Each structure stands twice: as C-alpha cells, then as structure tokens.
Amino acid sequence: MSTPPSGPSEGDAAPPPAPGPWASDNLPQHPMAAHPPVVVEQPQSIRTAVRLMYVGAAFSLLGLLLVPFQLDAIRDAIEDNDSIKAADVDTTVNVTVGSIIFFGLVGVGLWIWMAVKNGQGRSWARVVATVLGGLSVLSTLSGLAQGSTTALSLVLSLVGIALAAVILWFLYRPESSRFYDVRSR
C-alpha cells in the first residue's frame, strides 16, 4: 500500500496570487504587455551614420584641443577689429576663447547625443540632426562673411560640414527610413 504524496505534484499549477489591497493590483494588463516590442536590427546605413557621428565628436574635440595653438591668430583678428579698444583686447580674447571652448563642448555633446538617439531609431533625432547640420552650414557661412575665422577653424568647419552632409545622406537612405518607421511605432 502506497501513501499519497504530501505536497503538490509536478503537474499542478500554482494558483495565481490573490490581488493585493492596492488599486493597481486589480487593473487589467496593458494591451502592449502581451506583445513584446519588435526588435529591428540597425541597417548598415544607420551604423555608418552613427560611427561618423562619433568621428564628428572626436573631430570637434580635436578642434578644442587645438584652440591654444590659435591664440595668436585669435588675438590678431580681435586687434584688427577697429571697434574694440586696445585696453579691451585681453578681455575679448579671453571671452572669445571661453566661448569657443564652451560651444565646442556643447558640440561634442550634441554629436554624441545624436549618435545615440539616431542609433536607437528615434525619428525626431534625424530631424534634429538635419537642423543641426543646417545650423552648422549657416554658422560657417556667417564666419566666412564676417572674416572672423582663422584658417584652422575654417578647415575644421568645412570638414565638419562635409561630414554632416555624408551623415545626413546615410540617415535618409531608404533602409534608414524603414528603420525609423518601424522603431517609431
């Protein structure tokens, strides 16, 4: 004569836990909870654009590291400006260098932020990257028109514009657009 097992057998399912005293315990499950998000692999065009954005960040950082080597050119450009008094040249040089460093660091941060968000397939990030690329072109053209740019900063700006154009080309490829469409759903 055998004795019946004292505990639950392997085939028995445990009853669902009783709802707790909180109102949220009694709510129905969200409809999206039953459907896991669709995992879409980045197309090569997005991977390339993201890598180039990191190159842009490194390039911007390199430009910041070269600022100390441009101090004489910055000072000369400020001294050539007739509206700045000789007594104010040092202050203007310091403010200019500080502004270059501040906005350069902001630029590095924007490159990295855009790389991350575009890599995630955020369609708004593609729009922001486009706007930032356009602002870069306008900024370079403004600097050229004013004649307030050094030769090195001009070269860095032109390379940055070319880099932005190539990145935008990759971001607007058909396979990239499909990636953004699927990820934005």
N, C-alpha and C. Protein backbone atom coordinates (compact mmCIF):
# COMPACT_ATOMS: atom_id res chain seq x y z
N MET A 1 0.84 -1.15 0.00
CA MET A 1 0.00 0.00 0.00
C MET A 1 0.90 1.23 0.00
N SER A 2 0.64 2.13 -0.95
CA SER A 2 1.47 3.33 -1.04
C SER A 2 0.73 4.51 -0.44
N THR A 3 1.52 5.43 0.00
CA THR A 3 0.92 6.62 0.63
C THR A 3 0.86 7.73 -0.41
N PRO A 4 -0.18 8.52 -0.39
CA PRO A 4 -0.29 9.62 -1.36
C PRO A 4 0.78 10.68 -1.08
N PRO A 5 1.27 11.35 -2.11
CA PRO A 5 2.28 12.39 -1.89
C PRO A 5 1.70 13.51 -1.03
N SER A 6 2.58 14.05 -0.22
CA SER A 6 2.11 15.05 0.73
C SER A 6 2.10 16.46 0.14
N GLY A 7 2.85 16.74 -0.91
CA GLY A 7 2.90 18.09 -1.48
C GLY A 7 2.29 18.13 -2.85
N PRO A 8 2.34 19.29 -3.49
CA PRO A 8 1.78 19.39 -4.84
C PRO A 8 2.64 18.61 -5.83
N SER A 9 1.98 17.99 -6.76
CA SER A 9 2.72 17.22 -7.76
C SER A 9 3.27 18.15 -8.83
N GLU A 10 4.15 17.61 -9.68
CA GLU A 10 4.81 18.41 -10.70
C GLU A 10 3.83 19.01 -11.70
N GLY A 11 2.75 18.38 -12.00
CA GLY A 11 1.79 18.83 -12.99
C GLY A 11 0.84 19.88 -12.46
N ASP A 12 0.75 20.04 -11.15
CA ASP A 12 -0.17 21.03 -10.59
C ASP A 12 0.36 22.44 -10.80
N ALA A 13 -0.49 23.32 -11.28
CA ALA A 13 -0.10 24.72 -11.45
C ALA A 13 -0.47 25.48 -10.19
N ALA A 14 0.40 26.38 -9.82
CA ALA A 14 0.12 27.18 -8.63
C ALA A 14 -1.00 28.16 -8.97
N PRO A 15 -1.89 28.39 -8.04
CA PRO A 15 -2.97 29.34 -8.32
C PRO A 15 -2.38 30.75 -8.41
N PRO A 16 -3.00 31.62 -9.22
CA PRO A 16 -2.49 32.98 -9.32
C PRO A 16 -2.59 33.67 -7.96
N PRO A 17 -1.66 34.58 -7.70
CA PRO A 17 -1.72 35.25 -6.42
C PRO A 17 -2.98 36.11 -6.32
N ALA A 18 -3.50 36.18 -5.13
CA ALA A 18 -4.69 36.99 -4.90
C ALA A 18 -4.32 38.47 -5.04
N PRO A 19 -5.22 39.27 -5.58
CA PRO A 19 -4.90 40.68 -5.71
C PRO A 19 -4.66 41.30 -4.35
N GLY A 20 -3.76 42.25 -4.35
CA GLY A 20 -3.42 42.93 -3.11
C GLY A 20 -4.40 44.05 -2.81
N PRO A 21 -4.11 44.80 -1.79
CA PRO A 21 -5.03 45.86 -1.38
C PRO A 21 -4.93 47.11 -2.26
N TRP A 22 -3.95 47.16 -3.19
CA TRP A 22 -3.76 48.36 -4.00
C TRP A 22 -4.66 48.34 -5.22
N ALA A 23 -5.09 49.50 -5.63
CA ALA A 23 -5.99 49.60 -6.78
C ALA A 23 -5.30 49.09 -8.05
N SER A 24 -3.99 49.30 -8.14
CA SER A 24 -3.29 48.88 -9.35
C SER A 24 -3.22 47.37 -9.48
N ASP A 25 -3.39 46.65 -8.39
CA ASP A 25 -3.38 45.19 -8.45
C ASP A 25 -4.62 44.65 -9.15
N ASN A 26 -5.66 45.44 -9.21
CA ASN A 26 -6.92 44.99 -9.78
C ASN A 26 -7.15 45.50 -11.20
N LEU A 27 -6.17 46.20 -11.78
CA LEU A 27 -6.32 46.73 -13.13
C LEU A 27 -6.02 45.64 -14.16
N PRO A 28 -6.66 45.74 -15.33
CA PRO A 28 -6.33 44.78 -16.39
C PRO A 28 -4.92 45.04 -16.91
N GLN A 29 -4.34 44.02 -17.49
CA GLN A 29 -2.99 44.13 -18.05
C GLN A 29 -3.03 45.05 -19.26
N HIS A 30 -1.99 45.87 -19.41
CA HIS A 30 -1.88 46.77 -20.55
C HIS A 30 -1.82 45.94 -21.83
N PRO A 31 -2.52 46.37 -22.89
CA PRO A 31 -2.54 45.56 -24.12
C PRO A 31 -1.16 45.35 -24.74
N MET A 32 -0.25 46.28 -24.58
CA MET A 32 1.08 46.12 -25.16
C MET A 32 1.95 45.17 -24.34
N ALA A 33 1.55 44.87 -23.11
CA ALA A 33 2.36 43.98 -22.28
C ALA A 33 2.38 42.56 -22.84
N ALA A 34 1.33 42.19 -23.55
CA ALA A 34 1.27 40.84 -24.12
C ALA A 34 2.10 40.74 -25.39
N HIS A 35 2.43 41.88 -26.01
CA HIS A 35 3.18 41.89 -27.26
C HIS A 35 4.53 42.55 -27.01
N PRO A 36 5.58 41.77 -26.99
CA PRO A 36 6.90 42.39 -26.78
C PRO A 36 7.25 43.29 -27.96
N PRO A 37 8.07 44.31 -27.72
CA PRO A 37 8.42 45.21 -28.82
C PRO A 37 9.18 44.48 -29.92
N VAL A 38 8.97 44.95 -31.13
CA VAL A 38 9.64 44.35 -32.28
C VAL A 38 11.10 44.78 -32.26
N VAL A 39 11.99 43.81 -32.34
CA VAL A 39 13.41 44.11 -32.37
C VAL A 39 13.83 44.20 -33.83
N VAL A 40 14.32 45.36 -34.20
CA VAL A 40 14.73 45.59 -35.58
C VAL A 40 16.21 45.88 -35.58
N GLU A 41 16.93 45.16 -36.41
CA GLU A 41 18.37 45.37 -36.49
C GLU A 41 18.66 46.65 -37.25
N GLN A 42 19.65 47.39 -36.77
CA GLN A 42 20.07 48.61 -37.47
C GLN A 42 20.58 48.25 -38.85
N PRO A 43 20.13 48.99 -39.86
CA PRO A 43 20.72 48.77 -41.19
C PRO A 43 22.14 49.33 -41.22
N GLN A 44 22.89 48.92 -42.19
CA GLN A 44 24.28 49.36 -42.32
C GLN A 44 24.37 50.88 -42.44
N SER A 45 23.40 51.49 -43.10
CA SER A 45 23.44 52.95 -43.27
C SER A 45 23.36 53.67 -41.92
N ILE A 46 22.56 53.17 -41.01
CA ILE A 46 22.46 53.78 -39.68
C ILE A 46 23.74 53.53 -38.90
N ARG A 47 24.26 52.30 -38.96
CA ARG A 47 25.52 52.02 -38.25
C ARG A 47 26.64 52.94 -38.75
N THR A 48 26.70 53.14 -40.05
CA THR A 48 27.73 54.02 -40.62
C THR A 48 27.52 55.46 -40.16
N ALA A 49 26.27 55.93 -40.19
CA ALA A 49 25.98 57.31 -39.76
C ALA A 49 26.35 57.50 -38.29
N VAL A 50 26.02 56.52 -37.46
CA VAL A 50 26.35 56.61 -36.03
C VAL A 50 27.86 56.65 -35.83
N ARG A 51 28.58 55.80 -36.54
CA ARG A 51 30.05 55.82 -36.42
C ARG A 51 30.61 57.17 -36.85
N LEU A 52 30.06 57.71 -37.93
CA LEU A 52 30.53 59.02 -38.41
C LEU A 52 30.18 60.13 -37.42
N MET A 53 29.09 59.98 -36.70
CA MET A 53 28.75 60.97 -35.67
C MET A 53 29.77 60.92 -34.53
N TYR A 54 30.21 59.73 -34.17
CA TYR A 54 31.27 59.63 -33.17
C TYR A 54 32.58 60.22 -33.71
N VAL A 55 32.84 60.04 -35.01
CA VAL A 55 34.00 60.67 -35.62
C VAL A 55 33.85 62.20 -35.53
N GLY A 56 32.64 62.69 -35.78
CA GLY A 56 32.38 64.13 -35.67
C GLY A 56 32.63 64.64 -34.26
N ALA A 57 32.24 63.85 -33.25
CA ALA A 57 32.50 64.24 -31.86
C ALA A 57 34.00 64.30 -31.59
N ALA A 58 34.73 63.29 -32.08
CA ALA A 58 36.18 63.27 -31.88
C ALA A 58 36.84 64.43 -32.62
N PHE A 59 36.33 64.71 -33.80
CA PHE A 59 36.86 65.80 -34.61
C PHE A 59 36.63 67.14 -33.91
N SER A 60 35.45 67.32 -33.32
CA SER A 60 35.16 68.54 -32.57
C SER A 60 36.06 68.67 -31.35
N LEU A 61 36.28 67.55 -30.69
CA LEU A 61 37.17 67.56 -29.52
C LEU A 61 38.60 67.90 -29.95
N LEU A 62 39.03 67.39 -31.08
CA LEU A 62 40.35 67.73 -31.60
C LEU A 62 40.45 69.24 -31.87
N GLY A 63 39.39 69.80 -32.42
CA GLY A 63 39.36 71.23 -32.66
C GLY A 63 39.50 72.02 -31.37
N LEU A 64 38.91 71.53 -30.29
CA LEU A 64 39.05 72.19 -28.99
C LEU A 64 40.49 72.10 -28.46
N LEU A 65 41.10 70.97 -28.70
CA LEU A 65 42.47 70.79 -28.23
C LEU A 65 43.45 71.68 -29.00
N LEU A 66 43.05 72.11 -30.18
CA LEU A 66 43.91 72.98 -30.99
C LEU A 66 43.72 74.47 -30.71
N VAL A 67 42.73 74.81 -29.88
CA VAL A 67 42.47 76.22 -29.57
C VAL A 67 43.70 76.93 -29.00
N PRO A 68 44.45 76.34 -28.07
CA PRO A 68 45.63 77.06 -27.56
C PRO A 68 46.65 77.42 -28.64
N PHE A 69 46.69 76.66 -29.70
CA PHE A 69 47.63 76.94 -30.78
C PHE A 69 47.12 78.05 -31.72
N GLN A 70 45.88 78.48 -31.51
CA GLN A 70 45.30 79.52 -32.35
C GLN A 70 45.21 80.87 -31.63
N LEU A 71 45.74 80.94 -30.42
CA LEU A 71 45.60 82.16 -29.63
C LEU A 71 46.14 83.39 -30.35
N ASP A 72 47.28 83.26 -31.01
CA ASP A 72 47.85 84.42 -31.72
C ASP A 72 46.95 84.86 -32.87
N ALA A 73 46.40 83.91 -33.59
CA ALA A 73 45.50 84.25 -34.70
C ALA A 73 44.22 84.89 -34.18
N ILE A 74 43.72 84.40 -33.05
CA ILE A 74 42.51 84.98 -32.45
C ILE A 74 42.81 86.41 -32.00
N ARG A 75 43.95 86.60 -31.33
CA ARG A 75 44.34 87.93 -30.87
C ARG A 75 44.49 88.88 -32.07
N ASP A 76 45.14 88.43 -33.14
CA ASP A 76 45.33 89.28 -34.32
C ASP A 76 43.99 89.69 -34.92
N ALA A 77 43.06 88.75 -35.01
CA ALA A 77 41.75 89.05 -35.57
C ALA A 77 41.01 90.08 -34.70
N ILE A 78 41.16 89.96 -33.39
CA ILE A 78 40.50 90.90 -32.48
C ILE A 78 41.16 92.28 -32.56
N GLU A 79 42.49 92.31 -32.65
CA GLU A 79 43.20 93.59 -32.74
C GLU A 79 42.90 94.29 -34.06
N ASP A 80 42.62 93.54 -35.12
CA ASP A 80 42.29 94.13 -36.41
C ASP A 80 40.90 94.75 -36.43
N ASN A 81 40.07 94.39 -35.45
CA ASN A 81 38.73 94.93 -35.36
C ASN A 81 38.80 96.33 -34.77
N ASP A 82 38.43 97.34 -35.56
CA ASP A 82 38.55 98.74 -35.12
C ASP A 82 37.59 99.11 -34.00
N SER A 83 36.53 98.34 -33.82
CA SER A 83 35.54 98.71 -32.80
C SER A 83 35.96 98.28 -31.39
N ILE A 84 37.05 97.53 -31.26
CA ILE A 84 37.50 97.07 -29.94
C ILE A 84 38.69 97.91 -29.51
N LYS A 85 38.58 98.50 -28.33
CA LYS A 85 39.66 99.35 -27.80
C LYS A 85 40.84 98.48 -27.40
N ALA A 86 42.03 99.05 -27.46
CA ALA A 86 43.26 98.31 -27.12
C ALA A 86 43.22 97.78 -25.70
N ALA A 87 42.58 98.52 -24.79
CA ALA A 87 42.50 98.09 -23.40
C ALA A 87 41.59 96.86 -23.22
N ASP A 88 40.71 96.65 -24.18
CA ASP A 88 39.74 95.55 -24.07
C ASP A 88 40.16 94.30 -24.82
N VAL A 89 41.31 94.32 -25.45
CA VAL A 89 41.73 93.19 -26.28
C VAL A 89 41.90 91.93 -25.45
N ASP A 90 42.58 92.02 -24.31
CA ASP A 90 42.80 90.82 -23.48
C ASP A 90 41.48 90.21 -23.02
N THR A 91 40.57 91.06 -22.57
CA THR A 91 39.26 90.57 -22.13
C THR A 91 38.52 89.91 -23.28
N THR A 92 38.55 90.55 -24.45
CA THR A 92 37.86 90.00 -25.61
C THR A 92 38.47 88.66 -26.04
N VAL A 93 39.78 88.55 -25.98
CA VAL A 93 40.44 87.28 -26.30
C VAL A 93 39.98 86.20 -25.32
N ASN A 94 39.96 86.52 -24.02
CA ASN A 94 39.55 85.52 -23.02
C ASN A 94 38.10 85.10 -23.20
N VAL A 95 37.22 86.07 -23.47
CA VAL A 95 35.81 85.75 -23.68
C VAL A 95 35.65 84.91 -24.95
N THR A 96 36.38 85.27 -25.99
CA THR A 96 36.30 84.51 -27.24
C THR A 96 36.76 83.08 -27.05
N VAL A 97 37.90 82.89 -26.39
CA VAL A 97 38.42 81.54 -26.15
C VAL A 97 37.46 80.75 -25.26
N GLY A 98 36.95 81.40 -24.22
CA GLY A 98 35.97 80.73 -23.35
C GLY A 98 34.73 80.31 -24.11
N SER A 99 34.26 81.18 -25.01
CA SER A 99 33.07 80.86 -25.82
C SER A 99 33.36 79.70 -26.77
N ILE A 100 34.54 79.73 -27.38
CA ILE A 100 34.91 78.64 -28.29
C ILE A 100 34.93 77.31 -27.55
N ILE A 101 35.50 77.31 -26.36
CA ILE A 101 35.58 76.07 -25.58
C ILE A 101 34.19 75.62 -25.14
N PHE A 102 33.38 76.56 -24.63
CA PHE A 102 32.03 76.20 -24.17
C PHE A 102 31.20 75.61 -25.31
N PHE A 103 31.12 76.35 -26.42
CA PHE A 103 30.30 75.88 -27.54
C PHE A 103 30.90 74.64 -28.20
N GLY A 104 32.20 74.50 -28.13
CA GLY A 104 32.84 73.28 -28.64
C GLY A 104 32.44 72.06 -27.83
N LEU A 105 32.41 72.22 -26.50
CA LEU A 105 31.97 71.10 -25.64
C LEU A 105 30.49 70.78 -25.86
N VAL A 106 29.69 71.83 -26.06
CA VAL A 106 28.28 71.59 -26.38
C VAL A 106 28.18 70.82 -27.69
N GLY A 107 29.01 71.19 -28.66
CA GLY A 107 29.01 70.49 -29.95
C GLY A 107 29.39 69.03 -29.82
N VAL A 108 30.40 68.74 -29.01
CA VAL A 108 30.80 67.35 -28.77
C VAL A 108 29.63 66.58 -28.16
N GLY A 109 28.98 67.20 -27.18
CA GLY A 109 27.83 66.55 -26.55
C GLY A 109 26.69 66.30 -27.53
N LEU A 110 26.44 67.27 -28.41
CA LEU A 110 25.38 67.09 -29.41
C LEU A 110 25.70 65.97 -30.38
N TRP A 111 26.96 65.87 -30.82
CA TRP A 111 27.36 64.77 -31.71
C TRP A 111 27.07 63.43 -31.04
N ILE A 112 27.47 63.30 -29.78
CA ILE A 112 27.29 62.03 -29.07
C ILE A 112 25.80 61.74 -28.85
N TRP A 113 25.06 62.76 -28.45
CA TRP A 113 23.62 62.60 -28.22
C TRP A 113 22.92 62.16 -29.50
N MET A 114 23.26 62.79 -30.62
CA MET A 114 22.64 62.44 -31.90
C MET A 114 23.04 61.03 -32.32
N ALA A 115 24.27 60.63 -32.05
CA ALA A 115 24.71 59.27 -32.39
C ALA A 115 23.88 58.25 -31.63
N VAL A 116 23.69 58.47 -30.35
CA VAL A 116 22.95 57.52 -29.52
C VAL A 116 21.48 57.46 -29.96
N LYS A 117 20.85 58.61 -30.10
CA LYS A 117 19.41 58.64 -30.40
C LYS A 117 19.10 58.18 -31.82
N ASN A 118 19.94 58.53 -32.78
CA ASN A 118 19.71 58.04 -34.14
C ASN A 118 19.98 56.54 -34.20
N GLY A 119 20.95 56.07 -33.45
CA GLY A 119 21.22 54.63 -33.39
C GLY A 119 20.05 53.86 -32.80
N GLN A 120 19.27 54.51 -31.93
CA GLN A 120 18.09 53.88 -31.35
C GLN A 120 16.88 53.96 -32.28
N GLY A 121 17.03 54.69 -33.38
CA GLY A 121 15.93 54.78 -34.34
C GLY A 121 14.88 55.82 -33.97
N ARG A 122 15.25 56.82 -33.22
CA ARG A 122 14.32 57.89 -32.86
C ARG A 122 14.16 58.81 -34.06
N SER A 123 12.97 58.86 -34.63
CA SER A 123 12.78 59.66 -35.85
C SER A 123 12.97 61.14 -35.58
N TRP A 124 12.67 61.62 -34.39
CA TRP A 124 12.89 63.03 -34.08
C TRP A 124 14.38 63.37 -34.11
N ALA A 125 15.23 62.40 -33.80
CA ALA A 125 16.68 62.65 -33.77
C ALA A 125 17.19 62.90 -35.18
N ARG A 126 16.59 62.26 -36.17
CA ARG A 126 17.00 62.51 -37.55
C ARG A 126 16.66 63.95 -37.95
N VAL A 127 15.51 64.43 -37.49
CA VAL A 127 15.11 65.81 -37.76
C VAL A 127 16.06 66.78 -37.05
N VAL A 128 16.37 66.50 -35.79
CA VAL A 128 17.29 67.37 -35.04
C VAL A 128 18.68 67.37 -35.69
N ALA A 129 19.14 66.21 -36.13
CA ALA A 129 20.44 66.13 -36.80
C ALA A 129 20.44 66.96 -38.08
N THR A 130 19.32 66.96 -38.79
CA THR A 130 19.20 67.76 -40.01
C THR A 130 19.27 69.25 -39.69
N VAL A 131 18.54 69.66 -38.66
CA VAL A 131 18.54 71.07 -38.26
C VAL A 131 19.95 71.49 -37.81
N LEU A 132 20.60 70.65 -37.01
CA LEU A 132 21.96 70.97 -36.55
C LEU A 132 22.94 71.05 -37.72
N GLY A 133 22.79 70.18 -38.70
CA GLY A 133 23.63 70.25 -39.90
C GLY A 133 23.41 71.56 -40.65
N GLY A 134 22.15 71.98 -40.76
CA GLY A 134 21.84 73.26 -41.41
C GLY A 134 22.42 74.44 -40.65
N LEU A 135 22.33 74.39 -39.31
CA LEU A 135 22.91 75.46 -38.49
C LEU A 135 24.42 75.51 -38.64
N SER A 136 25.04 74.36 -38.80
CA SER A 136 26.48 74.31 -38.99
C SER A 136 26.87 75.00 -40.29
N VAL A 137 26.11 74.76 -41.35
CA VAL A 137 26.37 75.41 -42.64
C VAL A 137 26.21 76.93 -42.50
N LEU A 138 25.11 77.36 -41.85
CA LEU A 138 24.87 78.79 -41.68
C LEU A 138 25.96 79.45 -40.84
N SER A 139 26.40 78.76 -39.80
CA SER A 139 27.45 79.29 -38.94
C SER A 139 28.76 79.47 -39.70
N THR A 140 29.10 78.49 -40.50
CA THR A 140 30.33 78.58 -41.30
C THR A 140 30.24 79.71 -42.31
N LEU A 141 29.09 79.81 -42.98
CA LEU A 141 28.92 80.89 -43.96
C LEU A 141 28.96 82.26 -43.29
N SER A 142 28.39 82.36 -42.10
CA SER A 142 28.42 83.62 -41.35
C SER A 142 29.86 83.98 -40.97
N GLY A 143 30.63 83.00 -40.52
CA GLY A 143 32.03 83.25 -40.18
C GLY A 143 32.83 83.68 -41.38
N LEU A 144 32.54 83.10 -42.53
CA LEU A 144 33.24 83.49 -43.76
C LEU A 144 32.88 84.91 -44.16
N ALA A 145 31.61 85.26 -44.04
CA ALA A 145 31.15 86.59 -44.43
C ALA A 145 31.75 87.67 -43.53
N GLN A 146 31.91 87.34 -42.25
CA GLN A 146 32.46 88.31 -41.30
C GLN A 146 33.97 88.35 -41.35
N GLY A 147 34.59 87.33 -41.89
CA GLY A 147 36.04 87.27 -41.92
C GLY A 147 36.65 87.08 -40.54
N SER A 148 35.86 86.51 -39.64
CA SER A 148 36.31 86.38 -38.25
C SER A 148 36.81 84.97 -37.92
N THR A 149 37.12 84.21 -38.91
CA THR A 149 37.53 82.83 -38.67
C THR A 149 39.00 82.63 -39.04
N THR A 150 39.67 81.81 -38.25
CA THR A 150 41.07 81.50 -38.54
C THR A 150 41.12 80.43 -39.63
N ALA A 151 42.27 80.26 -40.22
CA ALA A 151 42.41 79.26 -41.29
C ALA A 151 42.11 77.86 -40.76
N LEU A 152 42.61 77.55 -39.56
CA LEU A 152 42.38 76.23 -38.99
C LEU A 152 40.90 76.00 -38.69
N SER A 153 40.24 77.02 -38.12
CA SER A 153 38.82 76.85 -37.81
C SER A 153 37.99 76.74 -39.09
N LEU A 154 38.43 77.41 -40.15
CA LEU A 154 37.74 77.30 -41.43
C LEU A 154 37.86 75.88 -41.97
N VAL A 155 39.05 75.32 -41.93
CA VAL A 155 39.26 73.95 -42.41
C VAL A 155 38.41 72.97 -41.58
N LEU A 156 38.43 73.14 -40.26
CA LEU A 156 37.64 72.26 -39.39
C LEU A 156 36.15 72.40 -39.68
N SER A 157 35.69 73.63 -39.92
CA SER A 157 34.28 73.84 -40.23
C SER A 157 33.89 73.20 -41.55
N LEU A 158 34.74 73.35 -42.57
CA LEU A 158 34.42 72.76 -43.87
C LEU A 158 34.41 71.23 -43.81
N VAL A 159 35.34 70.66 -43.07
CA VAL A 159 35.33 69.20 -42.90
C VAL A 159 34.09 68.78 -42.12
N GLY A 160 33.72 69.56 -41.12
CA GLY A 160 32.51 69.26 -40.34
C GLY A 160 31.26 69.30 -41.20
N ILE A 161 31.18 70.27 -42.10
CA ILE A 161 30.03 70.37 -43.00
C ILE A 161 29.98 69.17 -43.94
N ALA A 162 31.12 68.79 -44.48
CA ALA A 162 31.16 67.62 -45.37
C ALA A 162 30.76 66.36 -44.61
N LEU A 163 31.24 66.23 -43.38
CA LEU A 163 30.89 65.08 -42.55
C LEU A 163 29.39 65.05 -42.28
N ALA A 164 28.83 66.22 -41.94
CA ALA A 164 27.39 66.30 -41.68
C ALA A 164 26.58 65.92 -42.93
N ALA A 165 27.03 66.36 -44.10
CA ALA A 165 26.32 66.03 -45.34
C ALA A 165 26.32 64.53 -45.60
N VAL A 166 27.45 63.89 -45.39
CA VAL A 166 27.53 62.43 -45.59
C VAL A 166 26.64 61.71 -44.57
N ILE A 167 26.67 62.16 -43.34
CA ILE A 167 25.83 61.54 -42.30
C ILE A 167 24.36 61.67 -42.67
N LEU A 168 23.95 62.86 -43.09
CA LEU A 168 22.54 63.05 -43.45
C LEU A 168 22.16 62.19 -44.65
N TRP A 169 23.08 62.01 -45.57
CA TRP A 169 22.80 61.13 -46.70
C TRP A 169 22.50 59.71 -46.20
N PHE A 170 23.32 59.22 -45.25
CA PHE A 170 23.08 57.89 -44.69
C PHE A 170 21.77 57.84 -43.90
N LEU A 171 21.45 58.90 -43.16
CA LEU A 171 20.23 58.90 -42.35
C LEU A 171 18.96 58.90 -43.20
N TYR A 172 19.05 59.40 -44.42
CA TYR A 172 17.86 59.48 -45.27
C TYR A 172 17.83 58.40 -46.36
N ARG A 173 18.67 57.41 -46.25
CA ARG A 173 18.62 56.27 -47.17
C ARG A 173 17.30 55.53 -46.97
N PRO A 174 16.78 54.84 -47.98
CA PRO A 174 15.51 54.13 -47.83
C PRO A 174 15.52 53.11 -46.68
N GLU A 175 16.62 52.38 -46.53
CA GLU A 175 16.67 51.39 -45.44
C GLU A 175 16.69 52.08 -44.07
N SER A 176 17.26 53.28 -44.01
CA SER A 176 17.24 54.04 -42.76
C SER A 176 15.82 54.50 -42.45
N SER A 177 15.14 54.97 -43.47
CA SER A 177 13.75 55.43 -43.27
C SER A 177 12.86 54.29 -42.79
N ARG A 178 13.05 53.09 -43.34
CA ARG A 178 12.28 51.94 -42.86
C ARG A 178 12.59 51.65 -41.39
N PHE A 179 13.88 51.76 -41.03
CA PHE A 179 14.30 51.53 -39.64
C PHE A 179 13.61 52.53 -38.71
N TYR A 180 13.60 53.80 -39.08
CA TYR A 180 12.93 54.82 -38.26
C TYR A 180 11.44 54.56 -38.18
N ASP A 181 10.83 54.16 -39.31
CA ASP A 181 9.38 53.90 -39.32
C ASP A 181 9.02 52.77 -38.35
N VAL A 182 9.78 51.67 -38.42
CA VAL A 182 9.47 50.52 -37.55
C VAL A 182 9.72 50.88 -36.09
N ARG A 183 10.82 51.57 -35.82
CA ARG A 183 11.16 51.90 -34.43
C ARG A 183 10.23 52.93 -33.83
N SER A 184 9.60 53.77 -34.65
CA SER A 184 8.72 54.81 -34.11
C SER A 184 7.31 54.31 -33.83
N ARG A 185 7.01 53.09 -34.22
CA ARG A 185 5.67 52.53 -33.94
C ARG A 185 5.55 52.11 -32.52
